[in-house]
């Protein structure tokens, strides 16, 4: 079985970085999927940690986490678009179902991929 290690690395960097900034524990849900743009990964991050932050501040936060992560510039270029949403925003546009679909698909496709 093969694993998507790059997507796992991106997931780990974002989750660890957000958790380090949270005063209280909040849920973080992610879907990391191919965007169809030359092999780039689309990153959907859902957390109420983003409440009261502008969309641009959210994207900057995640971009800064990725920039400080040790990923190479070439790897960082393969990430985008980045879509950070609150639980309410994700529910309104149906993004939570996408997170669950991606999570279930990865469990079947990448058996060594562990989800929380």
Protein backbone atom coordinates (compact mmCIF):
# COMPACT_ATOMS: atom_id res chain seq x y z
CA UNK A 1 0.00 0.00 0.00
CA UNK A 2 1.26 3.47 -0.76
CA UNK A 3 0.84 6.56 1.39
CA UNK A 4 0.47 10.21 0.48
CA UNK A 5 3.35 11.36 2.67
CA UNK A 6 3.44 14.92 1.28
CA UNK A 7 -0.24 15.50 2.10
CA UNK A 8 0.39 13.97 5.54
CA UNK A 9 3.30 16.37 6.10
CA UNK A 10 1.15 19.35 5.11
CA UNK A 11 -1.64 18.17 7.42
CA UNK A 12 0.79 17.70 10.34
CA UNK A 13 2.42 21.13 9.87
CA UNK A 14 -0.93 22.93 9.81
CA UNK A 15 -2.45 21.00 12.71
CA UNK A 16 0.60 21.31 14.98
CA UNK A 17 0.97 25.01 14.16
CA UNK A 18 -2.68 25.81 14.85
CA UNK A 19 -2.73 23.75 18.07
CA UNK A 20 0.34 25.65 19.32
CA UNK A 21 -1.57 28.94 18.88
CA UNK A 22 -4.84 27.85 20.48
CA UNK A 23 -5.53 28.84 24.07
CA UNK A 24 -8.24 26.22 24.37
CA UNK A 25 -8.55 23.03 22.39
CA UNK A 26 -10.72 23.36 19.31
CA UNK A 27 -11.61 20.89 16.62
CA UNK A 28 -9.56 21.01 13.40
CA UNK A 29 -10.85 19.24 10.30
CA UNK A 30 -8.94 19.13 7.04
CA UNK A 31 -9.36 17.95 3.48
CA UNK A 32 -6.22 17.94 1.38
CA UNK A 33 -7.04 17.00 -2.19
CA UNK A 34 -5.53 17.43 -5.66
CA UNK A 35 -6.68 20.77 -7.04
CA UNK A 36 -6.27 19.81 -10.70
CA UNK A 37 -3.74 22.62 -11.15
CA UNK A 38 -0.48 20.91 -12.15
CA UNK A 39 -0.41 18.53 -9.19
CA UNK A 40 -1.09 21.19 -6.57
CA UNK A 41 -2.85 20.29 -3.33
CA UNK A 42 -6.04 22.12 -2.33
CA UNK A 43 -6.10 22.60 1.44
CA UNK A 44 -9.44 23.04 3.21
CA UNK A 45 -9.06 23.75 6.94
CA UNK A 46 -12.16 23.98 9.15
CA UNK A 47 -11.91 25.27 12.71
CA UNK A 48 -13.69 27.73 14.94
CA UNK A 49 -10.22 29.03 15.81
CA UNK A 50 -10.72 31.21 12.70
CA UNK A 51 -13.65 33.10 14.21
CA UNK A 52 -13.08 36.86 14.30
CA UNK A 53 -10.18 36.57 11.84
CA UNK A 54 -10.48 37.90 8.31
CA UNK A 55 -10.17 35.46 5.43
CA UNK A 56 -6.83 37.02 4.45
CA UNK A 57 -5.47 36.74 8.01
CA UNK A 58 -6.46 33.06 8.02
CA UNK A 59 -4.66 32.38 4.72
CA UNK A 60 -1.61 34.34 5.91
CA UNK A 61 -1.53 32.31 9.14
CA UNK A 62 -1.56 28.98 7.31
CA UNK A 63 0.93 30.23 4.71
CA UNK A 64 3.29 31.36 7.48
CA UNK A 65 3.02 27.95 9.16
CA UNK A 66 3.94 26.25 5.89
CA UNK A 67 6.79 28.71 5.20
CA UNK A 68 8.31 28.06 8.65
CA UNK A 69 7.89 24.30 8.41
CA UNK A 70 11.03 23.23 6.62
CA UNK A 71 9.19 22.38 3.41
CA UNK A 72 11.21 23.37 0.37
CA UNK A 73 10.09 26.30 -1.80
CA UNK A 74 9.20 23.79 -4.53
CA UNK A 75 7.02 21.84 -2.08
CA UNK A 76 5.34 25.01 -0.80
CA UNK A 77 4.57 25.99 -4.41
CA UNK A 78 2.62 22.73 -4.75
CA UNK A 79 0.17 23.86 -2.03
CA UNK A 80 -2.83 25.96 -2.95
CA UNK A 81 -5.44 27.12 -2.93
CA UNK A 82 -5.74 27.35 0.85
CA UNK A 83 -9.34 27.64 2.09
CA UNK A 84 -9.70 28.28 5.86
CA UNK A 85 -13.28 28.29 7.18
CA UNK A 86 -15.13 28.29 10.49
CA UNK A 87 -17.46 25.38 11.26
CA UNK A 88 -20.48 27.58 10.49
CA UNK A 89 -19.07 28.77 7.15
CA UNK A 90 -18.15 25.22 6.15
CA UNK A 91 -21.61 23.96 7.07
CA UNK A 92 -23.29 26.72 5.05
CA UNK A 93 -21.42 25.83 1.86
CA UNK A 94 -21.37 22.05 2.36
CA UNK A 95 -17.62 21.79 2.96
CA UNK A 96 -17.95 19.54 6.01
CA UNK A 97 -19.27 16.73 3.81
CA UNK A 98 -16.20 17.19 1.59
CA UNK A 99 -13.92 16.79 4.61
CA UNK A 100 -15.66 13.55 5.59
CA UNK A 101 -15.57 12.20 2.00
CA UNK A 102 -11.85 12.92 1.73
CA UNK A 103 -11.17 11.38 5.15
CA UNK A 104 -13.02 8.16 4.22
CA UNK A 105 -11.41 7.99 0.76
CA UNK A 106 -7.92 8.35 2.25
CA UNK A 107 -8.61 5.56 4.73
CA UNK A 108 -9.37 3.24 1.80
CA UNK A 109 -6.72 4.57 -0.60
CA UNK A 110 -3.88 5.02 1.91
CA UNK A 111 -4.30 2.35 4.62
CA UNK A 112 -1.27 3.64 6.55
CA UNK A 113 -2.83 7.13 6.76
CA UNK A 114 -4.03 7.70 10.31
CA UNK A 115 -6.83 10.10 11.14
CA UNK A 116 -7.77 11.45 14.55
